[in-house]
Amino acid sequence: MREIRYVGDPVLRTPAEPVTDFDRELRRLIDEMFSIMYMADGVGLAGPQIGVGRRLFVYDISNRKGHVVNPELTIDDPEEVVEEEGCLSVPGKETGKPLYAPTARAAGVTLRGFDRLGRPVTVKARGMLARCFQHEFDHLNGTLYVDRLPKDDRRKILLQAP
């Protein structure tokens, strides 16, 4: 089974490539991503977080579980909501648990993409689900949540990371 990559790994800073084959290998990868996410007590996991530079992520949050391949994200409600946010790829050196910081995200989004069989998927989200979608979508573009923090907060988090 693949392992979660941590801040400092170049794959986390490299924009992911589109998925082109909706085959058995993709379905196995999505199943593996769910397993890894659950083992790590996460609520979302993007391909680059396990060293797979492809545009896909899985999620299970706010009673909503799913996956999306080649997602596009549209901001429906740009009002900023600041909530604690952490990341499996930014754990504390001592605890191994995600490091959290208040992070601003849009209040509402629409996620469009495809499922494991290539069928279109559209999900409108608010609250924690919208936050999760934005967080995972950022991973696909080589962005970490710490990049959205004020400089001093980002530095404080990164000093605690491995």
N, C-alpha and C. Protein backbone atom coordinates (compact mmCIF):
# COMPACT_ATOMS: atom_id res chain seq x y z
N MET A 1 0.84 -1.18 0.00
CA MET A 1 0.00 0.00 0.00
C MET A 1 0.89 1.24 0.00
N ARG A 2 0.44 2.24 -0.72
CA ARG A 2 1.20 3.49 -0.79
C ARG A 2 1.14 4.22 0.54
N GLU A 3 2.08 5.15 0.73
CA GLU A 3 2.13 5.92 1.97
C GLU A 3 1.86 7.38 1.68
N ILE A 4 1.37 8.06 2.69
CA ILE A 4 1.10 9.50 2.57
C ILE A 4 2.42 10.24 2.50
N ARG A 5 2.51 11.16 1.57
CA ARG A 5 3.70 12.00 1.39
C ARG A 5 3.55 13.24 2.27
N TYR A 6 4.68 13.72 2.77
CA TYR A 6 4.68 14.87 3.67
C TYR A 6 5.26 16.11 3.03
N VAL A 7 4.91 17.24 3.63
CA VAL A 7 5.40 18.53 3.17
C VAL A 7 6.91 18.43 2.95
N GLY A 8 7.36 18.96 1.83
CA GLY A 8 8.77 18.84 1.44
C GLY A 8 8.93 17.88 0.27
N ASP A 9 7.99 16.97 0.09
CA ASP A 9 8.03 16.04 -1.04
C ASP A 9 7.61 16.80 -2.29
N PRO A 10 8.43 16.78 -3.34
CA PRO A 10 8.12 17.54 -4.57
C PRO A 10 6.78 17.20 -5.22
N VAL A 11 6.28 15.97 -5.05
CA VAL A 11 5.01 15.60 -5.67
C VAL A 11 3.87 16.47 -5.16
N LEU A 12 3.99 16.97 -3.92
CA LEU A 12 2.94 17.82 -3.35
C LEU A 12 2.93 19.22 -3.94
N ARG A 13 3.99 19.58 -4.62
CA ARG A 13 4.11 20.93 -5.22
C ARG A 13 4.01 20.90 -6.74
N THR A 14 3.76 19.72 -7.29
CA THR A 14 3.68 19.56 -8.74
C THR A 14 2.22 19.43 -9.16
N PRO A 15 1.74 20.28 -10.06
CA PRO A 15 0.36 20.14 -10.53
C PRO A 15 0.13 18.75 -11.12
N ALA A 16 -0.98 18.13 -10.74
CA ALA A 16 -1.32 16.78 -11.19
C ALA A 16 -1.81 16.79 -12.64
N GLU A 17 -1.60 15.69 -13.30
CA GLU A 17 -2.01 15.50 -14.70
C GLU A 17 -3.41 14.89 -14.76
N PRO A 18 -4.16 15.19 -15.80
CA PRO A 18 -5.50 14.60 -15.93
C PRO A 18 -5.43 13.07 -16.04
N VAL A 19 -6.45 12.43 -15.54
CA VAL A 19 -6.63 10.99 -15.70
C VAL A 19 -7.17 10.76 -17.11
N THR A 20 -6.58 9.82 -17.84
CA THR A 20 -7.03 9.54 -19.21
C THR A 20 -7.66 8.17 -19.35
N ASP A 21 -7.33 7.23 -18.45
CA ASP A 21 -7.86 5.88 -18.55
C ASP A 21 -8.78 5.56 -17.37
N PHE A 22 -10.02 5.30 -17.66
CA PHE A 22 -10.99 4.92 -16.64
C PHE A 22 -11.09 3.40 -16.65
N ASP A 23 -10.07 2.78 -16.09
CA ASP A 23 -9.92 1.34 -16.16
C ASP A 23 -9.89 0.70 -14.78
N ARG A 24 -9.61 -0.60 -14.76
CA ARG A 24 -9.55 -1.35 -13.50
C ARG A 24 -8.47 -0.78 -12.57
N GLU A 25 -7.36 -0.34 -13.14
CA GLU A 25 -6.28 0.23 -12.34
C GLU A 25 -6.76 1.49 -11.59
N LEU A 26 -7.53 2.33 -12.26
CA LEU A 26 -8.09 3.52 -11.62
C LEU A 26 -9.03 3.13 -10.48
N ARG A 27 -9.87 2.14 -10.71
CA ARG A 27 -10.81 1.71 -9.67
C ARG A 27 -10.07 1.17 -8.46
N ARG A 28 -9.00 0.41 -8.71
CA ARG A 28 -8.18 -0.11 -7.59
C ARG A 28 -7.52 1.04 -6.83
N LEU A 29 -7.03 2.03 -7.58
CA LEU A 29 -6.39 3.19 -6.95
C LEU A 29 -7.38 3.93 -6.05
N ILE A 30 -8.57 4.16 -6.53
CA ILE A 30 -9.59 4.85 -5.72
C ILE A 30 -9.89 4.05 -4.46
N ASP A 31 -10.05 2.74 -4.57
CA ASP A 31 -10.29 1.90 -3.39
C ASP A 31 -9.13 2.00 -2.41
N GLU A 32 -7.90 1.98 -2.93
CA GLU A 32 -6.72 2.10 -2.07
C GLU A 32 -6.69 3.46 -1.38
N MET A 33 -7.06 4.50 -2.11
CA MET A 33 -7.07 5.84 -1.52
C MET A 33 -8.05 5.92 -0.35
N PHE A 34 -9.23 5.32 -0.51
CA PHE A 34 -10.18 5.29 0.61
C PHE A 34 -9.57 4.57 1.81
N SER A 35 -8.93 3.43 1.58
CA SER A 35 -8.31 2.67 2.67
C SER A 35 -7.25 3.48 3.39
N ILE A 36 -6.39 4.15 2.62
CA ILE A 36 -5.33 4.97 3.22
C ILE A 36 -5.93 6.12 4.01
N MET A 37 -6.94 6.78 3.44
CA MET A 37 -7.59 7.90 4.12
C MET A 37 -8.19 7.45 5.45
N TYR A 38 -8.89 6.33 5.45
CA TYR A 38 -9.51 5.84 6.69
C TYR A 38 -8.46 5.42 7.71
N MET A 39 -7.38 4.77 7.27
CA MET A 39 -6.32 4.36 8.20
C MET A 39 -5.68 5.57 8.87
N ALA A 40 -5.65 6.70 8.15
CA ALA A 40 -5.03 7.92 8.69
C ALA A 40 -6.05 8.82 9.40
N ASP A 41 -7.29 8.37 9.51
CA ASP A 41 -8.36 9.17 10.12
C ASP A 41 -8.57 10.49 9.39
N GLY A 42 -8.46 10.46 8.07
CA GLY A 42 -8.68 11.66 7.27
C GLY A 42 -10.10 11.74 6.76
N VAL A 43 -10.42 12.88 6.16
CA VAL A 43 -11.74 13.10 5.56
C VAL A 43 -11.63 13.33 4.06
N GLY A 44 -10.41 13.45 3.55
CA GLY A 44 -10.16 13.64 2.13
C GLY A 44 -8.73 13.24 1.82
N LEU A 45 -8.51 12.81 0.58
CA LEU A 45 -7.16 12.43 0.17
C LEU A 45 -7.06 12.60 -1.34
N ALA A 46 -6.04 13.32 -1.78
CA ALA A 46 -5.80 13.57 -3.20
C ALA A 46 -4.66 12.70 -3.70
N GLY A 47 -4.68 12.39 -5.00
CA GLY A 47 -3.65 11.56 -5.60
C GLY A 47 -2.23 11.96 -5.23
N PRO A 48 -1.85 13.25 -5.36
CA PRO A 48 -0.47 13.63 -5.04
C PRO A 48 -0.07 13.31 -3.59
N GLN A 49 -1.03 13.23 -2.69
CA GLN A 49 -0.70 12.94 -1.29
C GLN A 49 -0.16 11.53 -1.10
N ILE A 50 -0.37 10.66 -2.08
CA ILE A 50 0.20 9.31 -2.00
C ILE A 50 1.17 9.07 -3.16
N GLY A 51 1.67 10.16 -3.73
CA GLY A 51 2.68 10.06 -4.77
C GLY A 51 2.14 9.80 -6.16
N VAL A 52 0.84 9.95 -6.35
CA VAL A 52 0.21 9.73 -7.65
C VAL A 52 -0.14 11.09 -8.24
N GLY A 53 0.59 11.52 -9.23
CA GLY A 53 0.40 12.84 -9.82
C GLY A 53 -0.76 12.88 -10.82
N ARG A 54 -1.91 12.42 -10.40
CA ARG A 54 -3.12 12.41 -11.23
C ARG A 54 -4.22 13.20 -10.54
N ARG A 55 -5.12 13.76 -11.36
CA ARG A 55 -6.18 14.64 -10.85
C ARG A 55 -7.38 13.81 -10.36
N LEU A 56 -7.30 13.38 -9.11
CA LEU A 56 -8.41 12.70 -8.48
C LEU A 56 -8.30 12.82 -6.98
N PHE A 57 -9.45 12.75 -6.31
CA PHE A 57 -9.46 12.70 -4.85
C PHE A 57 -10.68 11.95 -4.36
N VAL A 58 -10.56 11.50 -3.10
CA VAL A 58 -11.66 10.82 -2.41
C VAL A 58 -12.01 11.66 -1.18
N TYR A 59 -13.23 11.47 -0.68
CA TYR A 59 -13.66 12.21 0.51
C TYR A 59 -14.74 11.44 1.25
N ASP A 60 -14.83 11.69 2.54
CA ASP A 60 -15.89 11.15 3.38
C ASP A 60 -16.04 12.11 4.55
N ILE A 61 -16.98 13.03 4.43
CA ILE A 61 -17.14 14.10 5.41
C ILE A 61 -18.60 14.56 5.41
N SER A 62 -19.07 14.96 6.56
CA SER A 62 -20.42 15.52 6.69
C SER A 62 -21.48 14.61 6.07
N ASN A 63 -21.35 13.30 6.35
CA ASN A 63 -22.30 12.30 5.84
C ASN A 63 -22.32 12.22 4.32
N ARG A 64 -21.26 12.64 3.67
CA ARG A 64 -21.14 12.56 2.21
C ARG A 64 -19.83 11.85 1.90
N LYS A 65 -19.93 10.81 1.11
CA LYS A 65 -18.76 10.03 0.73
C LYS A 65 -18.72 9.96 -0.79
N GLY A 66 -17.52 10.09 -1.35
CA GLY A 66 -17.42 9.98 -2.79
C GLY A 66 -16.00 10.14 -3.28
N HIS A 67 -15.90 10.23 -4.58
CA HIS A 67 -14.61 10.45 -5.24
C HIS A 67 -14.89 11.26 -6.49
N VAL A 68 -13.88 11.91 -7.00
CA VAL A 68 -14.03 12.66 -8.25
C VAL A 68 -12.72 12.59 -9.02
N VAL A 69 -12.86 12.38 -10.31
CA VAL A 69 -11.73 12.29 -11.22
C VAL A 69 -11.77 13.50 -12.15
N ASN A 70 -10.62 14.12 -12.38
CA ASN A 70 -10.51 15.31 -13.23
C ASN A 70 -11.49 16.41 -12.80
N PRO A 71 -11.46 16.78 -11.51
CA PRO A 71 -12.43 17.76 -11.03
C PRO A 71 -12.18 19.17 -11.51
N GLU A 72 -13.27 19.90 -11.59
CA GLU A 72 -13.26 21.35 -11.79
C GLU A 72 -14.07 21.92 -10.64
N LEU A 73 -13.63 23.03 -10.11
CA LEU A 73 -14.28 23.63 -8.94
C LEU A 73 -14.71 25.05 -9.29
N THR A 74 -15.96 25.36 -8.98
CA THR A 74 -16.51 26.69 -9.19
C THR A 74 -16.93 27.25 -7.84
N ILE A 75 -16.54 28.49 -7.57
CA ILE A 75 -16.96 29.16 -6.33
C ILE A 75 -18.36 29.73 -6.55
N ASP A 76 -19.32 29.27 -5.75
CA ASP A 76 -20.70 29.75 -5.85
C ASP A 76 -20.96 30.90 -4.87
N ASP A 77 -20.35 30.80 -3.70
CA ASP A 77 -20.51 31.82 -2.67
C ASP A 77 -19.12 32.20 -2.17
N PRO A 78 -18.59 33.35 -2.61
CA PRO A 78 -17.21 33.72 -2.28
C PRO A 78 -17.02 34.24 -0.85
N GLU A 79 -18.09 34.35 -0.08
CA GLU A 79 -17.94 34.82 1.30
C GLU A 79 -16.92 33.93 2.01
N GLU A 80 -15.92 34.56 2.62
CA GLU A 80 -14.88 33.79 3.29
C GLU A 80 -15.36 33.29 4.64
N VAL A 81 -15.10 32.02 4.88
CA VAL A 81 -15.39 31.38 6.15
C VAL A 81 -14.05 30.89 6.69
N VAL A 82 -13.73 31.31 7.90
CA VAL A 82 -12.46 30.92 8.53
C VAL A 82 -12.75 29.83 9.57
N GLU A 83 -12.15 28.67 9.35
CA GLU A 83 -12.28 27.53 10.26
C GLU A 83 -10.93 26.86 10.39
N GLU A 84 -10.78 26.06 11.43
CA GLU A 84 -9.56 25.28 11.61
C GLU A 84 -9.44 24.28 10.47
N GLU A 85 -8.24 24.16 9.93
CA GLU A 85 -8.00 23.23 8.84
C GLU A 85 -6.64 22.58 9.05
N GLY A 86 -6.56 21.31 8.73
CA GLY A 86 -5.30 20.57 8.82
C GLY A 86 -5.15 19.70 7.59
N CYS A 87 -4.05 18.95 7.56
CA CYS A 87 -3.77 18.15 6.37
C CYS A 87 -2.94 16.92 6.76
N LEU A 88 -3.30 15.78 6.20
CA LEU A 88 -2.54 14.56 6.46
C LEU A 88 -1.10 14.69 5.99
N SER A 89 -0.84 15.55 5.04
CA SER A 89 0.52 15.75 4.52
C SER A 89 1.32 16.79 5.29
N VAL A 90 0.71 17.36 6.33
CA VAL A 90 1.40 18.35 7.17
C VAL A 90 1.20 17.95 8.64
N PRO A 91 1.84 16.83 9.05
CA PRO A 91 1.69 16.39 10.44
C PRO A 91 2.73 17.01 11.35
N GLY A 92 2.45 16.96 12.63
CA GLY A 92 3.43 17.41 13.62
C GLY A 92 4.53 16.37 13.76
N LYS A 93 5.77 16.84 13.95
CA LYS A 93 6.91 15.93 14.12
C LYS A 93 6.70 14.98 15.29
N GLU A 94 6.16 15.52 16.37
CA GLU A 94 6.07 14.76 17.60
C GLU A 94 4.82 13.91 17.67
N THR A 95 3.71 14.39 17.13
CA THR A 95 2.44 13.66 17.25
C THR A 95 2.11 12.81 16.03
N GLY A 96 2.60 13.21 14.86
CA GLY A 96 2.23 12.53 13.64
C GLY A 96 0.83 12.85 13.18
N LYS A 97 0.14 13.71 13.93
CA LYS A 97 -1.23 14.12 13.62
C LYS A 97 -1.20 15.44 12.85
N PRO A 98 -2.23 15.68 12.03
CA PRO A 98 -2.27 16.94 11.28
C PRO A 98 -2.17 18.17 12.19
N LEU A 99 -1.49 19.18 11.68
CA LEU A 99 -1.37 20.46 12.38
C LEU A 99 -2.47 21.38 11.85
N TYR A 100 -3.21 21.99 12.74
CA TYR A 100 -4.36 22.81 12.36
C TYR A 100 -4.08 24.30 12.51
N ALA A 101 -4.73 25.08 11.64
CA ALA A 101 -4.65 26.54 11.70
C ALA A 101 -5.92 27.11 11.09
N PRO A 102 -6.37 28.27 11.58
CA PRO A 102 -7.53 28.93 10.97
C PRO A 102 -7.21 29.27 9.51
N THR A 103 -8.07 28.81 8.61
CA THR A 103 -7.84 28.96 7.17
C THR A 103 -9.11 29.46 6.51
N ALA A 104 -8.98 30.48 5.68
CA ALA A 104 -10.14 31.05 4.98
C ALA A 104 -10.43 30.25 3.71
N ARG A 105 -11.71 29.95 3.53
CA ARG A 105 -12.20 29.26 2.32
C ARG A 105 -13.53 29.87 1.92
N ALA A 106 -13.91 29.69 0.67
CA ALA A 106 -15.20 30.15 0.18
C ALA A 106 -16.33 29.34 0.84
N ALA A 107 -17.46 30.00 1.04
CA ALA A 107 -18.58 29.37 1.73
C ALA A 107 -19.28 28.30 0.91
N GLY A 108 -19.32 28.46 -0.41
CA GLY A 108 -20.04 27.49 -1.24
C GLY A 108 -19.36 27.25 -2.57
N VAL A 109 -19.38 25.98 -3.01
CA VAL A 109 -18.74 25.60 -4.27
C VAL A 109 -19.58 24.57 -5.02
N THR A 110 -19.27 24.44 -6.29
CA THR A 110 -19.79 23.32 -7.09
C THR A 110 -18.60 22.56 -7.65
N LEU A 111 -18.63 21.26 -7.45
CA LEU A 111 -17.57 20.38 -7.93
C LEU A 111 -18.13 19.58 -9.11
N ARG A 112 -17.40 19.60 -10.21
CA ARG A 112 -17.78 18.82 -11.39
C ARG A 112 -16.59 17.97 -11.81
N GLY A 113 -16.88 16.77 -12.24
CA GLY A 113 -15.84 15.86 -12.71
C GLY A 113 -16.47 14.57 -13.15
N PHE A 114 -15.77 13.47 -12.88
CA PHE A 114 -16.23 12.16 -13.32
C PHE A 114 -16.04 11.14 -12.21
N ASP A 115 -16.84 10.08 -12.26
CA ASP A 115 -16.66 9.00 -11.30
C ASP A 115 -15.69 7.98 -11.87
N ARG A 116 -15.49 6.90 -11.18
CA ARG A 116 -14.50 5.88 -11.56
C ARG A 116 -14.80 5.21 -12.90
N LEU A 117 -16.05 5.34 -13.36
CA LEU A 117 -16.43 4.74 -14.65
C LEU A 117 -16.48 5.76 -15.78
N GLY A 118 -16.15 7.02 -15.46
CA GLY A 118 -16.17 8.06 -16.48
C GLY A 118 -17.51 8.77 -16.61
N ARG A 119 -18.43 8.50 -15.69
CA ARG A 119 -19.73 9.17 -15.71
C ARG A 119 -19.62 10.54 -15.06
N PRO A 120 -20.32 11.55 -15.59
CA PRO A 120 -20.25 12.89 -15.02
C PRO A 120 -20.78 12.93 -13.57
N VAL A 121 -20.13 13.76 -12.76
CA VAL A 121 -20.51 13.96 -11.36
C VAL A 121 -20.59 15.46 -11.11
N THR A 122 -21.63 15.90 -10.43
CA THR A 122 -21.75 17.29 -10.00
C THR A 122 -22.23 17.28 -8.55
N VAL A 123 -21.51 18.00 -7.68
CA VAL A 123 -21.88 18.09 -6.27
C VAL A 123 -21.80 19.55 -5.85
N LYS A 124 -22.90 20.07 -5.32
CA LYS A 124 -22.90 21.42 -4.72
C LYS A 124 -22.60 21.23 -3.24
N ALA A 125 -21.77 22.12 -2.68
CA ALA A 125 -21.36 21.94 -1.29
C ALA A 125 -21.24 23.27 -0.56
N ARG A 126 -21.54 23.19 0.72
CA ARG A 126 -21.34 24.31 1.65
C ARG A 126 -20.69 23.72 2.90
N GLY A 127 -20.27 24.57 3.79
CA GLY A 127 -19.74 24.11 5.06
C GLY A 127 -18.47 23.30 4.93
N MET A 128 -18.36 22.26 5.76
CA MET A 128 -17.13 21.46 5.79
C MET A 128 -16.90 20.70 4.49
N LEU A 129 -17.96 20.31 3.81
CA LEU A 129 -17.78 19.62 2.53
C LEU A 129 -17.16 20.56 1.49
N ALA A 130 -17.64 21.81 1.46
CA ALA A 130 -17.06 22.81 0.55
C ALA A 130 -15.59 23.04 0.89
N ARG A 131 -15.27 23.10 2.17
CA ARG A 131 -13.88 23.28 2.62
C ARG A 131 -13.03 22.09 2.15
N CYS A 132 -13.54 20.89 2.34
CA CYS A 132 -12.82 19.69 1.93
C CYS A 132 -12.55 19.71 0.43
N PHE A 133 -13.57 20.04 -0.37
CA PHE A 133 -13.38 20.07 -1.83
C PHE A 133 -12.31 21.07 -2.22
N GLN A 134 -12.32 22.25 -1.61
CA GLN A 134 -11.32 23.27 -1.95
C GLN A 134 -9.92 22.82 -1.54
N HIS A 135 -9.82 22.18 -0.38
CA HIS A 135 -8.54 21.69 0.13
C HIS A 135 -7.96 20.64 -0.83
N GLU A 136 -8.78 19.65 -1.18
CA GLU A 136 -8.30 18.58 -2.05
C GLU A 136 -8.01 19.09 -3.46
N PHE A 137 -8.84 19.99 -3.96
CA PHE A 137 -8.61 20.58 -5.28
C PHE A 137 -7.28 21.33 -5.30
N ASP A 138 -6.98 22.04 -4.21
CA ASP A 138 -5.67 22.71 -4.10
C ASP A 138 -4.52 21.71 -4.26
N HIS A 139 -4.65 20.54 -3.63
CA HIS A 139 -3.59 19.53 -3.75
C HIS A 139 -3.30 19.20 -5.22
N LEU A 140 -4.35 19.17 -6.03
CA LEU A 140 -4.18 18.81 -7.43
C LEU A 140 -3.45 19.88 -8.22
N ASN A 141 -3.36 21.08 -7.64
CA ASN A 141 -2.67 22.19 -8.28
C ASN A 141 -1.33 22.50 -7.61
N GLY A 142 -0.88 21.63 -6.71
CA GLY A 142 0.41 21.81 -6.06
C GLY A 142 0.38 22.82 -4.92
N THR A 143 -0.80 23.04 -4.36
CA THR A 143 -0.97 24.02 -3.27
C THR A 143 -1.34 23.29 -1.98
N LEU A 144 -0.72 23.70 -0.88
CA LEU A 144 -1.06 23.17 0.44
C LEU A 144 -1.82 24.24 1.23
N TYR A 145 -2.60 23.81 2.21
CA TYR A 145 -3.37 24.78 2.99
C TYR A 145 -2.48 25.81 3.66
N VAL A 146 -1.25 25.44 4.00
CA VAL A 146 -0.35 26.39 4.66
C VAL A 146 -0.02 27.56 3.75
N ASP A 147 -0.12 27.36 2.43
CA ASP A 147 0.14 28.45 1.48
C ASP A 147 -0.91 29.55 1.60
N ARG A 148 -2.05 29.23 2.17
CA ARG A 148 -3.15 30.19 2.32
C ARG A 148 -3.09 30.93 3.66
N LEU A 149 -2.13 30.58 4.49
CA LEU A 149 -2.01 31.19 5.82
C LEU A 149 -1.16 32.45 5.77
N PRO A 150 -1.38 33.35 6.73
CA PRO A 150 -0.45 34.48 6.86
C PRO A 150 0.96 33.95 7.12
N LYS A 151 1.95 34.71 6.69
CA LYS A 151 3.35 34.27 6.74
C LYS A 151 3.76 33.74 8.11
N ASP A 152 3.43 34.44 9.19
CA ASP A 152 3.83 34.00 10.52
C ASP A 152 3.16 32.68 10.91
N ASP A 153 1.89 32.53 10.58
CA ASP A 153 1.18 31.29 10.89
C ASP A 153 1.76 30.12 10.08
N ARG A 154 2.05 30.36 8.81
CA ARG A 154 2.63 29.33 7.96
C ARG A 154 3.97 28.88 8.53
N ARG A 155 4.80 29.84 8.91
CA ARG A 155 6.12 29.52 9.47
C ARG A 155 5.99 28.69 10.74
N LYS A 156 5.05 29.06 11.60
CA LYS A 156 4.84 28.34 12.86
C LYS A 156 4.46 26.89 12.59
N ILE A 157 3.56 26.66 11.64
CA ILE A 157 3.13 25.30 11.30
C ILE A 157 4.30 24.51 10.71
N LEU A 158 5.00 25.10 9.75
CA LEU A 158 6.07 24.38 9.07
C LEU A 158 7.24 24.04 9.99
N LEU A 159 7.45 24.84 11.01
CA LEU A 159 8.51 24.53 11.99
C LEU A 159 8.16 23.30 12.82
N GLN A 160 6.88 22.98 12.93
CA GLN A 160 6.43 21.81 13.69
C GLN A 160 6.35 20.55 12.84
N ALA A 161 6.39 20.72 11.52
CA ALA A 161 6.25 19.59 10.58
C ALA A 161 7.59 18.88 10.41
N PRO A 162 7.54 17.62 9.94
CA PRO A 162 8.82 16.88 9.75
C PRO A 162 9.67 17.48 8.63
